[in-house]
PDB file of N, CA and C in Angstrom:
ATOM      1  N   MET A   1     -22.829   9.645 -32.649  1.00  0.00           N
ATOM      2  CA  MET A   1     -24.159   9.796 -33.392  1.00  0.00           C
ATOM      3  C   MET A   1     -25.015   8.986 -32.870  1.00  0.00           C
ATOM      4  N   LYS A   2     -26.277   9.188 -32.541  1.00  0.00           N
ATOM      5  CA  LYS A   2     -27.520   7.974 -31.681  1.00  0.00           C
ATOM      6  C   LYS A   2     -27.611   7.428 -32.762  1.00  0.00           C
ATOM      7  N   SER A   3     -27.462   7.350 -34.099  1.00  0.00           N
ATOM      8  CA  SER A   3     -28.132   5.944 -34.909  1.00  0.00           C
ATOM      9  C   SER A   3     -26.605   4.828 -35.126  1.00  0.00           C
ATOM     10  N   VAL A   4     -25.607   5.918 -34.951  1.00  0.00           N
ATOM     11  CA  VAL A   4     -25.139   4.616 -34.616  1.00  0.00           C
ATOM     12  C   VAL A   4     -24.165   3.674 -33.669  1.00  0.00           C
ATOM     13  N   SER A   5     -24.936   4.540 -32.152  1.00  0.00           N
ATOM     14  CA  SER A   5     -25.190   3.678 -31.096  1.00  0.00           C
ATOM     15  C   SER A   5     -26.000   2.922 -31.290  1.00  0.00           C
ATOM     16  N   VAL A   6     -27.142   2.994 -31.683  1.00  0.00           N
ATOM     17  CA  VAL A   6     -28.463   2.122 -31.903  1.00  0.00           C
ATOM     18  C   VAL A   6     -27.559   0.857 -32.355  1.00  0.00           C
ATOM     19  N   LEU A   7     -26.999   1.214 -33.639  1.00  0.00           N
ATOM     20  CA  LEU A   7     -27.099   0.058 -34.452  1.00  0.00           C
ATOM     21  C   LEU A   7     -25.745  -0.674 -33.263  1.00  0.00           C
ATOM     22  N   TRP A   8     -25.099  -0.276 -32.877  1.00  0.00           N
ATOM     23  CA  TRP A   8     -23.945  -0.716 -32.107  1.00  0.00           C
ATOM     24  C   TRP A   8     -24.535  -1.468 -30.939  1.00  0.00           C
ATOM     25  N   GLY A   9     -25.512  -0.770 -30.079  1.00  0.00           N
ATOM     26  CA  GLY A   9     -26.486  -1.464 -29.374  1.00  0.00           C
ATOM     27  C   GLY A   9     -27.221  -2.848 -29.889  1.00  0.00           C
ATOM     28  N   VAL A  10     -27.813  -2.738 -30.944  1.00  0.00           N
ATOM     29  CA  VAL A  10     -28.856  -4.244 -31.284  1.00  0.00           C
ATOM     30  C   VAL A  10     -28.069  -5.059 -32.456  1.00  0.00           C
ATOM     31  N   ALA A  11     -26.216  -4.690 -32.530  1.00  0.00           N
ATOM     32  CA  ALA A  11     -26.126  -5.520 -33.788  1.00  0.00           C
ATOM     33  C   ALA A  11     -25.224  -7.177 -32.877  1.00  0.00           C
ATOM     34  N   GLY A  12     -24.957  -8.060 -33.644  1.00  0.00           N
ATOM     35  CA  GLY A  12     -24.383  -8.715 -33.601  1.00  0.00           C
ATOM     36  C   GLY A  12     -22.427  -8.662 -32.728  1.00  0.00           C
ATOM     37  N   ALA A  13     -22.117  -9.440 -32.445  1.00  0.00           N
ATOM     38  CA  ALA A  13     -20.441  -9.352 -31.798  1.00  0.00           C
ATOM     39  C   ALA A  13     -20.266  -8.356 -32.982  1.00  0.00           C
ATOM     40  N   GLY A  14     -19.960  -9.725 -34.135  1.00  0.00           N
ATOM     41  CA  GLY A  14     -19.171  -9.352 -34.982  1.00  0.00           C
ATOM     42  C   GLY A  14     -19.354  -7.424 -36.054  1.00  0.00           C
ATOM     43  N   LEU A  15     -20.268  -7.092 -35.948  1.00  0.00           N
ATOM     44  CA  LEU A  15     -20.382  -5.780 -36.503  1.00  0.00           C
ATOM     45  C   LEU A  15     -20.654  -4.600 -35.318  1.00  0.00           C
ATOM     46  N   GLN A  16     -20.726  -5.061 -33.893  1.00  0.00           N
ATOM     47  CA  GLN A  16     -20.588  -3.936 -32.565  1.00  0.00           C
ATOM     48  C   GLN A  16     -18.752  -4.036 -32.704  1.00  0.00           C
ATOM     49  N   SER A  17     -17.983  -4.900 -32.835  1.00  0.00           N
ATOM     50  CA  SER A  17     -16.786  -4.944 -33.028  1.00  0.00           C
ATOM     51  C   SER A  17     -16.263  -4.143 -34.147  1.00  0.00           C
ATOM     52  N   LEU A  18     -16.952  -3.806 -35.493  1.00  0.00           N
ATOM     53  CA  LEU A  18     -16.293  -2.856 -36.392  1.00  0.00           C
ATOM     54  C   LEU A  18     -16.712  -1.455 -35.941  1.00  0.00           C
ATOM     55  N   ILE A  19     -17.653  -1.563 -35.590  1.00  0.00           N
ATOM     56  CA  ILE A  19     -18.169   0.159 -35.244  1.00  0.00           C
ATOM     57  C   ILE A  19     -17.242   0.776 -34.408  1.00  0.00           C
ATOM     58  N   ALA A  20     -17.060   0.182 -32.763  1.00  0.00           N
ATOM     59  CA  ALA A  20     -16.340   0.075 -31.726  1.00  0.00           C
ATOM     60  C   ALA A  20     -14.981   0.835 -32.546  1.00  0.00           C
ATOM     61  N   GLN A  21     -14.614  -0.098 -33.756  1.00  0.00           N
ATOM     62  CA  GLN A  21     -13.092  -0.267 -34.452  1.00  0.00           C
ATOM     63  C   GLN A  21     -13.291   1.627 -34.701  1.00  0.00           C
ATOM     64  N   ALA A  22     -14.171   1.596 -35.783  1.00  0.00           N
ATOM     65  CA  ALA A  22     -14.334   2.436 -36.707  1.00  0.00           C
ATOM     66  C   ALA A  22     -14.737   3.996 -35.492  1.00  0.00           C
ATOM     67  N   HIS A  23     -15.077   4.015 -33.998  1.00  0.00           N
ATOM     68  CA  HIS A  23     -15.023   4.735 -33.630  1.00  0.00           C
ATOM     69  C   HIS A  23     -13.831   5.098 -32.702  1.00  0.00           C
ATOM     70  N   HIS A  24     -13.121   4.165 -32.374  1.00  0.00           N
ATOM     71  CA  HIS A  24     -11.790   4.464 -31.676  1.00  0.00           C
ATOM     72  C   HIS A  24     -11.081   5.183 -32.707  1.00  0.00           C
ATOM     73  N   ASP A  25     -11.471   4.859 -34.047  1.00  0.00           N
ATOM     74  CA  ASP A  25     -10.281   5.322 -34.862  1.00  0.00           C
ATOM     75  C   ASP A  25     -10.697   6.589 -35.123  1.00  0.00           C
ATOM     76  N   ALA A  26     -11.654   7.061 -34.832  1.00  0.00           N
ATOM     77  CA  ALA A  26     -12.401   8.152 -35.138  1.00  0.00           C
ATOM     78  C   ALA A  26     -11.629   8.995 -33.804  1.00  0.00           C
ATOM     79  N   VAL A  27     -12.012   8.443 -32.719  1.00  0.00           N
ATOM     80  CA  VAL A  27     -11.101   9.531 -31.345  1.00  0.00           C
ATOM     81  C   VAL A  27      -9.663   9.779 -31.721  1.00  0.00           C
ATOM     82  N   ALA A  28      -9.236   8.412 -32.000  1.00  0.00           N
ATOM     83  CA  ALA A  28      -7.469   8.611 -32.435  1.00  0.00           C
ATOM     84  C   ALA A  28      -7.116   9.401 -33.378  1.00  0.00           C
ATOM     85  N   GLY A  29      -8.126   9.924 -34.894  1.00  0.00           N
ATOM     86  CA  GLY A  29      -8.016  10.921 -35.407  1.00  0.00           C
ATOM     87  C   GLY A  29      -8.037  12.146 -34.904  1.00  0.00           C
ATOM     88  N   VAL A  30      -9.363  12.533 -33.932  1.00  0.00           N
ATOM     89  CA  VAL A  30      -9.157  13.681 -33.632  1.00  0.00           C
ATOM     90  C   VAL A  30      -8.028  14.220 -32.723  1.00  0.00           C
ATOM     91  N   LEU A  31      -7.867  13.466 -32.065  1.00  0.00           N
ATOM     92  CA  LEU A  31      -6.976  13.596 -30.980  1.00  0.00           C
ATOM     93  C   LEU A  31      -5.434  13.776 -31.750  1.00  0.00           C
ATOM     94  N   SER A  32      -4.883  13.463 -32.931  1.00  0.00           N
ATOM     95  CA  SER A  32      -3.932  13.192 -33.583  1.00  0.00           C
ATOM     96  C   SER A  32      -4.230  15.022 -34.205  1.00  0.00           C
ATOM     97  N   PHE A  33      -5.380  15.083 -35.304  1.00  0.00           N
ATOM     98  CA  PHE A  33      -5.764  16.256 -35.331  1.00  0.00           C
ATOM     99  C   PHE A  33      -5.317  17.562 -34.587  1.00  0.00           C
ATOM    100  N   MET A  34      -5.970  17.522 -33.504  1.00  0.00           N
ATOM    101  CA  MET A  34      -5.774  18.081 -32.276  1.00  0.00           C
ATOM    102  C   MET A  34      -4.497  18.470 -31.714  1.00  0.00           C
ATOM    103  N   GLU A  35      -3.605  17.588 -31.773  1.00  0.00           N
ATOM    104  CA  GLU A  35      -1.937  17.613 -31.282  1.00  0.00           C
ATOM    105  C   GLU A  35      -1.201  18.361 -32.725  1.00  0.00           C
ATOM    106  N   ARG A  36      -1.352  18.280 -33.660  1.00  0.00           N
ATOM    107  CA  ARG A  36      -1.038  18.765 -34.848  1.00  0.00           C
ATOM    108  C   ARG A  36      -1.461  19.862 -35.143  1.00  0.00           C
ATOM    109  N   LYS A  37      -2.285  20.413 -35.014  1.00  0.00           N
ATOM    110  CA  LYS A  37      -3.332  21.779 -35.588  1.00  0.00           C
ATOM    111  C   LYS A  37      -3.840  22.610 -34.581  1.00  0.00           C
ATOM    112  N   VAL A  38      -4.069  22.382 -33.386  1.00  0.00           N
ATOM    113  CA  VAL A  38      -4.861  23.036 -32.425  1.00  0.00           C
ATOM    114  C   VAL A  38      -3.870  23.409 -31.358  1.00  0.00           C
ATOM    115  N   ALA A  39      -3.217  22.591 -30.775  1.00  0.00           N
ATOM    116  CA  ALA A  39      -2.925  22.484 -29.194  1.00  0.00           C
ATOM    117  C   ALA A  39      -1.627  22.985 -29.624  1.00  0.00           C
ATOM    118  N   ALA A  40      -1.657  23.665 -28.544  1.00  0.00           N
ATOM    119  CA  ALA A  40      -0.523  24.897 -28.819  1.00  0.00           C
ATOM    120  C   ALA A  40       0.398  25.271 -27.179  1.00  0.00           C
ATOM    121  N   THR A  41       1.549  25.799 -26.888  1.00  0.00           N
ATOM    122  CA  THR A  41       2.056  26.351 -25.876  1.00  0.00           C
ATOM    123  C   THR A  41       2.276  27.765 -25.765  1.00  0.00           C
ATOM    124  N   ARG A  42       2.388  28.712 -24.677  1.00  0.00           N
ATOM    125  CA  ARG A  42       3.693  29.127 -24.654  1.00  0.00           C
ATOM    126  C   ARG A  42       4.353  29.734 -24.439  1.00  0.00           C
ATOM    127  N   THR A  43       5.564  30.667 -24.767  1.00  0.00           N
ATOM    128  CA  THR A  43       6.898  31.066 -24.398  1.00  0.00           C
ATOM    129  C   THR A  43       6.772  32.535 -24.233  1.00  0.00           C
ATOM    130  N   GLY A  44       7.752  32.577 -23.323  1.00  0.00           N
ATOM    131  CA  GLY A  44       8.515  34.131 -22.917  1.00  0.00           C
ATOM    132  C   GLY A  44       7.411  34.503 -21.829  1.00  0.00           C
ATOM    133  N   MET A  45       8.021  35.503 -21.436  1.00  0.00           N
ATOM    134  CA  MET A  45       7.373  36.213 -20.105  1.00  0.00           C
ATOM    135  C   MET A  45       6.276  37.374 -20.550  1.00  0.00           C
ATOM    136  N   SER A  46       5.092  36.866 -19.764  1.00  0.00           N
ATOM    137  CA  SER A  46       4.445  37.927 -19.596  1.00  0.00           C
ATOM    138  C   SER A  46       4.435  39.324 -18.788  1.00  0.00           C
ATOM    139  N   GLY A  47       3.316  40.073 -18.880  1.00  0.00           N
ATOM    140  CA  GLY A  47       4.039  41.693 -18.128  1.00  0.00           C
ATOM    141  C   GLY A  47       4.818  42.777 -18.772  1.00  0.00           C
ATOM    142  N   ARG A  48       5.400  43.208 -17.476  1.00  0.00           N
ATOM    143  CA  ARG A  48       5.871  44.576 -18.156  1.00  0.00           C
ATOM    144  C   ARG A  48       7.562  44.680 -19.338  1.00  0.00           C
ATOM    145  N   GLY A  49       7.104  44.648 -20.495  1.00  0.00           N
ATOM    146  CA  GLY A  49       8.067  44.781 -21.349  1.00  0.00           C
ATOM    147  C   GLY A  49       8.159  43.282 -21.709  1.00  0.00           C
ATOM    148  N   GLY A  50       7.324  42.278 -21.326  1.00  0.00           N
ATOM    149  CA  GLY A  50       7.416  40.787 -21.940  1.00  0.00           C
ATOM    150  C   GLY A  50       6.928  40.318 -23.427  1.00  0.00           C
ATOM    151  N   ALA A  51       7.353  39.543 -23.953  1.00  0.00           N
ATOM    152  CA  ALA A  51       6.634  39.155 -24.669  1.00  0.00           C
ATOM    153  C   ALA A  51       5.936  37.569 -24.943  1.00  0.00           C
ATOM    154  N   VAL A  52       4.712  37.219 -25.732  1.00  0.00           N
ATOM    155  CA  VAL A  52       4.497  35.532 -25.373  1.00  0.00           C
ATOM    156  C   VAL A  52       4.523  35.276 -26.537  1.00  0.00           C
ATOM    157  N   ALA A  53       5.094  34.256 -27.085  1.00  0.00           N
ATOM    158  CA  ALA A  53       4.904  33.852 -28.224  1.00  0.00           C
ATOM    159  C   ALA A  53       3.997  32.238 -27.934  1.00  0.00           C
ATOM    160  N   GLN A  54       3.362  31.745 -29.042  1.00  0.00           N
ATOM    161  CA  GLN A  54       2.412  30.853 -29.242  1.00  0.00           C
ATOM    162  C   GLN A  54       2.599  29.640 -30.036  1.00  0.00           C
ATOM    163  N   THR A  55       3.546  28.627 -29.482  1.00  0.00           N
ATOM    164  CA  THR A  55       4.344  27.358 -30.719  1.00  0.00           C
ATOM    165  C   THR A  55       3.318  26.147 -30.316  1.00  0.00           C
ATOM    166  N   GLY A  56       3.899  25.402 -31.139  1.00  0.00           N
ATOM    167  CA  GLY A  56       3.282  24.158 -31.804  1.00  0.00           C
ATOM    168  C   GLY A  56       3.774  23.121 -30.366  1.00  0.00           C
ATOM    169  N   VAL A  57       3.037  21.703 -30.715  1.00  0.00           N
ATOM    170  CA  VAL A  57       3.575  20.993 -29.577  1.00  0.00           C
ATOM    171  C   VAL A  57       3.590  19.635 -29.885  1.00  0.00           C
ATOM    172  N   THR A  58       4.457  18.640 -29.431  1.00  0.00           N
ATOM    173  CA  THR A  58       4.386  17.647 -29.729  1.00  0.00           C
ATOM    174  C   THR A  58       4.347  16.690 -28.451  1.00  0.00           C
ATOM    175  N   GLY A  59       3.617  15.539 -28.902  1.00  0.00           N
ATOM    176  CA  GLY A  59       3.524  14.666 -27.456  1.00  0.00           C
ATOM    177  C   GLY A  59       2.006  15.397 -26.550  1.00  0.00           C
ATOM    178  N   LEU A  60       0.988  14.863 -27.222  1.00  0.00           N
ATOM    179  CA  LEU A  60      -0.413  15.233 -26.242  1.00  0.00           C
ATOM    180  C   LEU A  60      -0.630  13.990 -25.662  1.00  0.00           C
ATOM    181  N   ILE A  61      -0.860  14.074 -24.491  1.00  0.00           N
ATOM    182  CA  ILE A  61      -0.743  13.154 -23.660  1.00  0.00           C
ATOM    183  C   ILE A  61      -2.668  12.811 -23.109  1.00  0.00           C
ATOM    184  N   ALA A  62      -3.205  11.495 -23.199  1.00  0.00           N
ATOM    185  CA  ALA A  62      -4.745  11.393 -23.290  1.00  0.00           C
ATOM    186  C   ALA A  62      -4.679  10.612 -22.555  1.00  0.00           C
ATOM    187  N   ALA A  63      -5.664  10.547 -21.588  1.00  0.00           N
ATOM    188  CA  ALA A  63      -6.314   8.830 -21.274  1.00  0.00           C
ATOM    189  C   ALA A  63      -7.487   8.793 -21.485  1.00  0.00           C
ATOM    190  N   CYS A  64      -8.549   7.976 -22.051  1.00  0.00           N
ATOM    191  CA  CYS A  64      -9.300   7.816 -23.019  1.00  0.00           C
ATOM    192  C   CYS A  64     -10.360   6.693 -22.350  1.00  0.00           C
ATOM    193  N   PHE A  65     -11.139   6.870 -21.631  1.00  0.00           N
ATOM    194  CA  PHE A  65     -12.157   6.292 -21.187  1.00  0.00           C
ATOM    195  C   PHE A  65     -13.510   5.706 -21.745  1.00  0.00           C
ATOM    196  N   ASP A  66     -13.567   4.327 -22.500  1.00  0.00           N
ATOM    197  CA  ASP A  66     -14.991   4.426 -23.208  1.00  0.00           C
ATOM    198  C   ASP A  66     -16.521   4.213 -22.311  1.00  0.00           C
ATOM    199  N   HIS A  67     -17.268   4.621 -22.489  1.00  0.00           N
ATOM    200  CA  HIS A  67     -18.555   4.294 -22.343  1.00  0.00           C
ATOM    201  C   HIS A  67     -19.856   4.105 -22.919  1.00  0.00           C
ATOM    202  N   TYR A  68     -20.609   3.227 -22.544  1.00  0.00           N
ATOM    203  CA  TYR A  68     -21.752   2.476 -23.423  1.00  0.00           C
ATOM    204  C   TYR A  68     -23.060   2.688 -23.058  1.00  0.00           C
ATOM    205  N   ASP A  69     -23.520   3.527 -22.573  1.00  0.00           N
ATOM    206  CA  ASP A  69     -24.577   3.294 -22.379  1.00  0.00           C
ATOM    207  C   ASP A  69     -25.074   5.530 -21.808  1.00  0.00           C
ATOM    208  N   SER A  70     -26.291   5.812 -22.069  1.00  0.00           N
ATOM    209  CA  SER A  70     -26.310   6.975 -21.994  1.00  0.00           C
ATOM    210  C   SER A  70     -26.599   7.478 -20.168  1.00  0.00           C
ATOM    211  N   ARG A  71     -26.912   8.134 -19.614  1.00  0.00           N
ATOM    212  CA  ARG A  71     -27.534   8.458 -18.491  1.00  0.00           C
ATOM    213  C   ARG A  71     -28.880   7.704 -17.944  1.00  0.00           C
ATOM    214  N   ALA A  72     -29.958   8.135 -19.334  1.00  0.00           N
ATOM    215  CA  ALA A  72     -30.978   7.035 -19.247  1.00  0.00           C
ATOM    216  C   ALA A  72     -31.078   5.481 -19.818  1.00  0.00           C
ATOM    217  N   GLY A  73     -29.470   5.431 -19.787  1.00  0.00           N
ATOM    218  CA  GLY A  73     -29.576   3.756 -19.963  1.00  0.00           C
ATOM    219  C   GLY A  73     -29.691   3.239 -21.219  1.00  0.00           C
ATOM    220  N   ASP A  74     -30.096   4.605 -22.015  1.00  0.00           N
ATOM    221  CA  ASP A  74     -30.043   4.206 -23.855  1.00  0.00           C
ATOM    222  C   ASP A  74     -28.449   3.639 -23.868  1.00  0.00           C
ATOM    223  N   PRO A  75     -28.092   3.310 -25.253  1.00  0.00           N
ATOM    224  CA  PRO A  75     -27.123   2.541 -25.827  1.00  0.00           C
ATOM    225  C   PRO A  75     -26.454   3.862 -26.506  1.00  0.00           C
ATOM    226  N   GLN A  76     -25.482   4.137 -25.740  1.00  0.00           N
ATOM    227  CA  GLN A  76     -24.417   5.340 -26.513  1.00  0.00           C
ATOM    228  C   GLN A  76     -23.050   5.226 -26.142  1.00  0.00           C
ATOM    229  N   LEU A  77     -22.537   4.658 -27.528  1.00  0.00           N
ATOM    230  CA  LEU A  77     -21.189   4.134 -27.042  1.00  0.00           C
ATOM    231  C   LEU A  77     -20.479   5.777 -27.438  1.00  0.00           C
ATOM    232  N   HIS A  78     -19.609   6.099 -26.644  1.00  0.00           N
ATOM    233  CA  HIS A  78     -18.978   7.012 -26.406  1.00  0.00           C
ATOM    234  C   HIS A  78     -17.583   7.105 -25.921  1.00  0.00           C
ATOM    235  N   THR A  79     -16.377   8.126 -26.105  1.00  0.00           N
ATOM    236  CA  THR A  79     -15.344   7.858 -25.074  1.00  0.00           C
ATOM    237  C   THR A  79     -15.073   9.330 -24.652  1.00  0.00           C
ATOM    238  N   HIS A  80     -14.666   9.293 -23.073  1.00  0.00           N
ATOM    239  CA  HIS A  80     -14.120  10.640 -23.054  1.00  0.00           C
ATOM    240  C   HIS A  80     -12.325  10.818 -23.180  1.00  0.00           C
ATOM    241  N   ALA A  81     -12.526  12.123 -23.072  1.00  0.00           N
ATOM    242  CA  ALA A  81     -10.805  12.063 -23.447  1.00  0.00           C
ATOM    243  C   ALA A  81     -10.214  13.122 -22.287  1.00  0.00           C
ATOM    244  N   THR A  82      -9.274  12.653 -21.258  1.00  0.00           N
ATOM    245  CA  THR A  82      -8.945  13.599 -20.502  1.00  0.00           C
ATOM    246  C   THR A  82      -7.625  14.257 -20.979  1.00  0.00           C
ATOM    247  N   ILE A  83      -7.512  15.167 -21.187  1.00  0.00           N
ATOM    248  CA  ILE A  83      -6.036  15.266 -21.362  1.00  0.00           C
ATOM    249  C   ILE A  83      -5.118  16.156 -20.911  1.00  0.00           C
ATOM    250  N   SER A  84      -3.364  15.839 -21.173  1.00  0.00           N
ATOM    251  CA  SER A  84      -3.090  16.723 -19.897  1.00  0.00           C
ATOM    252  C   SER A  84      -2.759  17.813 -20.255  1.00  0.00           C
ATOM    253  N   ASN A  85      -2.470  18.766 -18.891  1.00  0.00           N
ATOM    254  CA  ASN A  85      -1.989  20.090 -19.261  1.00  0.00           C
ATOM    255  C   ASN A  85      -0.273  20.153 -19.869  1.00  0.00           C
ATOM    256  N   LYS A  86       0.059  19.488 -19.785  1.00  0.00           N
ATOM    257  CA  LYS A  86       1.183  19.498 -19.734  1.00  0.00           C
ATOM    258  C   LYS A  86       1.674  18.495 -21.246  1.00  0.00           C
ATOM    259  N   VAL A  87       2.688  19.590 -21.721  1.00  0.00           N
ATOM    260  CA  VAL A  87       2.671  19.274 -24.013  1.00  0.00           C
ATOM    261  C   VAL A  87       4.571  19.465 -23.805  1.00  0.00           C
ATOM    262  N   CYS A  88       5.197  19.229 -24.735  1.00  0.00           N
ATOM    263  CA  CYS A  88       6.327  18.695 -25.466  1.00  0.00           C
ATOM    264  C   CYS A  88       6.469  20.077 -26.429  1.00  0.00           C
ATOM    265  N   ALA A  89       7.076  20.999 -26.041  1.00  0.00           N
ATOM    266  CA  ALA A  89       7.162  22.530 -26.954  1.00  0.00           C
ATOM    267  C   ALA A  89       8.449  22.046 -28.181  1.00  0.00           C
ATOM    268  N   VAL A  90       7.260  22.194 -29.591  1.00  0.00           N
ATOM    269  CA  VAL A  90       8.098  21.499 -30.824  1.00  0.00           C
ATOM    270  C   VAL A  90       9.323  22.722 -30.365  1.00  0.00           C
ATOM    271  N   LEU A  91       9.831  23.692 -30.445  1.00  0.00           N
ATOM    272  CA  LEU A  91      10.690  24.639 -30.474  1.00  0.00           C
ATOM    273  C   LEU A  91      12.022  24.560 -29.470  1.00  0.00           C
ATOM    274  N   ASP A  92      11.560  23.779 -28.002  1.00  0.00           N
ATOM    275  CA  ASP A  92      12.778  23.557 -27.203  1.00  0.00           C
ATOM    276  C   ASP A  92      12.599  21.799 -26.846  1.00  0.00           C
ATOM    277  N   ARG A  93      11.865  21.556 -27.404  1.00  0.00           N
ATOM    278  CA  ARG A  93      11.490  20.465 -26.664  1.00  0.00           C
ATOM    279  C   ARG A  93      11.326  20.161 -25.104  1.00  0.00           C
ATOM    280  N   ARG A  94      11.262  21.318 -23.951  1.00  0.00           N
ATOM    281  CA  ARG A  94      10.738  21.308 -23.057  1.00  0.00           C
ATOM    282  C   ARG A  94       9.021  21.374 -22.846  1.00  0.00           C
ATOM    283  N   TRP A  95       8.834  20.731 -21.567  1.00  0.00           N
ATOM    284  CA  TRP A  95       7.458  19.862 -21.500  1.00  0.00           C
ATOM    285  C   TRP A  95       6.907  21.292 -20.517  1.00  0.00           C
ATOM    286  N   ARG A  96       5.791  21.877 -21.295  1.00  0.00           N
ATOM    287  CA  ARG A  96       5.294  23.281 -20.870  1.00  0.00           C
ATOM    288  C   ARG A  96       3.785  22.887 -20.814  1.00  0.00           C
ATOM    289  N   SER A  97       2.981  24.075 -20.735  1.00  0.00           N
ATOM    290  CA  SER A  97       1.258  24.175 -20.104  1.00  0.00           C
ATOM    291  C   SER A  97       0.965  24.186 -20.608  1.00  0.00           C
ATOM    292  N   LEU A  98      -0.419  23.450 -21.138  1.00  0.00           N
ATOM    293  CA  LEU A  98      -1.097  23.834 -22.816  1.00  0.00           C
ATOM    294  C   LEU A  98      -2.026  24.606 -22.638  1.00  0.00           C
ATOM    295  N   ASP A  99      -1.487  25.639 -23.647  1.00  0.00           N
ATOM    296  CA  ASP A  99      -2.434  26.605 -23.487  1.00  0.00           C
ATOM    297  C   ASP A  99      -3.784  26.316 -24.404  1.00  0.00           C
ATOM    298  N   SER A 100      -5.038  26.725 -23.106  1.00  0.00           N
ATOM    299  CA  SER A 100      -6.034  26.353 -23.599  1.00  0.00           C
ATOM    300  C   SER A 100      -7.016  27.120 -24.535  1.00  0.00           C
ATOM    301  N   ARG A 101      -6.463  28.089 -25.052  1.00  0.00           N
ATOM    302  CA  ARG A 101      -7.119  29.277 -25.584  1.00  0.00           C
ATOM    303  C   ARG A 101      -7.793  28.414 -27.161  1.00  0.00           C
ATOM    304  N   PRO A 102      -6.680  27.800 -27.838  1.00  0.00           N
ATOM    305  CA  PRO A 102      -6.966  27.654 -29.039  1.00  0.00           C
ATOM    306  C   PRO A 102      -8.218  25.883 -29.024  1.00  0.00           C
ATOM    307  N   ILE A 103      -8.192  25.375 -27.923  1.00  0.00           N
ATOM    308  CA  ILE A 103      -8.743  24.488 -27.894  1.00  0.00           C
ATOM    309  C   ILE A 103     -10.055  24.934 -27.834  1.00  0.00           C
ATOM    310  N   HIS A 104     -10.523  25.639 -26.733  1.00  0.00           N
ATOM    311  CA  HIS A 104     -11.965  26.412 -26.716  1.00  0.00           C
ATOM    312  C   HIS A 104     -12.147  26.859 -28.149  1.00  0.00           C
ATOM    313  N   GLY A 105     -11.604  27.236 -28.610  1.00  0.00           N
ATOM    314  CA  GLY A 105     -11.528  27.791 -30.402  1.00  0.00           C
ATOM    315  C   GLY A 105     -12.120  27.082 -30.939  1.00  0.00           C
ATOM    316  N   ALA A 106     -11.340  25.790 -30.971  1.00  0.00           N
ATOM    317  CA  ALA A 106     -11.644  24.956 -31.958  1.00  0.00           C
ATOM    318  C   ALA A 106     -12.442  23.706 -31.761  1.00  0.00           C
ATOM    319  N   VAL A 107     -13.536  23.809 -30.288  1.00  0.00           N
ATOM    320  CA  VAL A 107     -14.316  22.705 -29.889  1.00  0.00           C
ATOM    321  C   VAL A 107     -15.390  21.899 -31.121  1.00  0.00           C
ATOM    322  N   VAL A 108     -16.127  23.456 -31.831  1.00  0.00           N
ATOM    323  CA  VAL A 108     -16.798  22.668 -32.739  1.00  0.00           C
ATOM    324  C   VAL A 108     -16.480  21.374 -33.834  1.00  0.00           C
ATOM    325  N   ALA A 109     -15.589  22.926 -34.575  1.00  0.00           N
ATOM    326  CA  ALA A 109     -14.187  21.891 -35.110  1.00  0.00           C
ATOM    327  C   ALA A 109     -13.751  20.660 -35.202  1.00  0.00           C
ATOM    328  N   LEU A 110     -13.342  20.222 -33.838  1.00  0.00           N
ATOM    329  CA  LEU A 110     -13.160  19.008 -33.148  1.00  0.00           C
ATOM    330  C   LEU A 110     -14.036  17.952 -33.497  1.00  0.00           C
ATOM    331  N   TRP A 111     -15.667  18.841 -32.634  1.00  0.00           N
ATOM    332  CA  TRP A 111     -16.643  17.567 -32.674  1.00  0.00           C
ATOM    333  C   TRP A 111     -16.677  17.078 -34.455  1.00  0.00           C
ATOM    334  N   VAL A 112     -16.768  17.890 -35.487  1.00  0.00           N
ATOM    335  CA  VAL A 112     -17.523  17.968 -36.644  1.00  0.00           C
ATOM    336  C   VAL A 112     -16.444  17.053 -36.607  1.00  0.00           C
ATOM    337  N   ARG A 113     -15.444  17.309 -36.918  1.00  0.00           N
ATOM    338  CA  ARG A 113     -14.497  16.279 -37.270  1.00  0.00           C
ATOM    339  C   ARG A 113     -14.817  14.619 -36.881  1.00  0.00           C
ATOM    340  N   LYS A 114     -15.017  14.582 -35.876  1.00  0.00           N
ATOM    341  CA  LYS A 114     -15.057  13.210 -34.984  1.00  0.00           C
ATOM    342  C   LYS A 114     -16.376  12.999 -36.066  1.00  0.00           C
ATOM    343  N   SER A 115     -17.381  13.499 -36.232  1.00  0.00           N
ATOM    344  CA  SER A 115     -18.349  13.092 -36.528  1.00  0.00           C
ATOM    345  C   SER A 115     -18.746  12.651 -38.122  1.00  0.00           C
ATOM    346  N   ARG A 116     -17.876  13.339 -38.610  1.00  0.00           N
ATOM    347  CA  ARG A 116     -17.296  12.714 -39.973  1.00  0.00           C
ATOM    348  C   ARG A 116     -16.681  11.268 -40.142  1.00  0.00           C
ATOM    349  N   CYS A 117     -15.974  11.167 -39.003  1.00  0.00           N
ATOM    350  CA  CYS A 117     -15.218   9.952 -39.041  1.00  0.00           C
ATOM    351  C   CYS A 117     -15.785   8.221 -38.663  1.00  0.00           C
ATOM    352  N   VAL A 118     -16.915   8.927 -38.474  1.00  0.00           N
ATOM    353  CA  VAL A 118     -17.783   7.723 -37.531  1.00  0.00           C
ATOM    354  C   VAL A 118     -19.308   8.130 -38.550  1.00  0.00           C
ATOM    355  N   GLY A 119     -19.856   9.093 -38.679  1.00  0.00           N
ATOM    356  CA  GLY A 119     -21.382   9.142 -39.513  1.00  0.00           C
ATOM    357  C   GLY A 119     -21.345   8.804 -40.658  1.00  0.00           C
TER     358      GLY A 119
END
């Protein structure tokens, strides 16, 4: 949120550290929520006579990169998370492709969840 980023930008080192920790906790919370409730993979065969099942995952992998300003140079504490397209299926513990459809459907819910954690 812009107000949190501005406060972070003008705060002393101690308060900056607390705000950054709250931000990182929120990012971790969203990724955890995404793994538990949103991320899925597909198993089975598609096509003629095939059936595809969507199953839960464990082991979501993400690389997170912190940024500290906007393109305009304003203070803007934010994190980019690049999520691997490989996930471990709960069903058989095999590494499969991440099904992106549930993630696209939950983008707003994931954003709101993060905003509530920080704001």
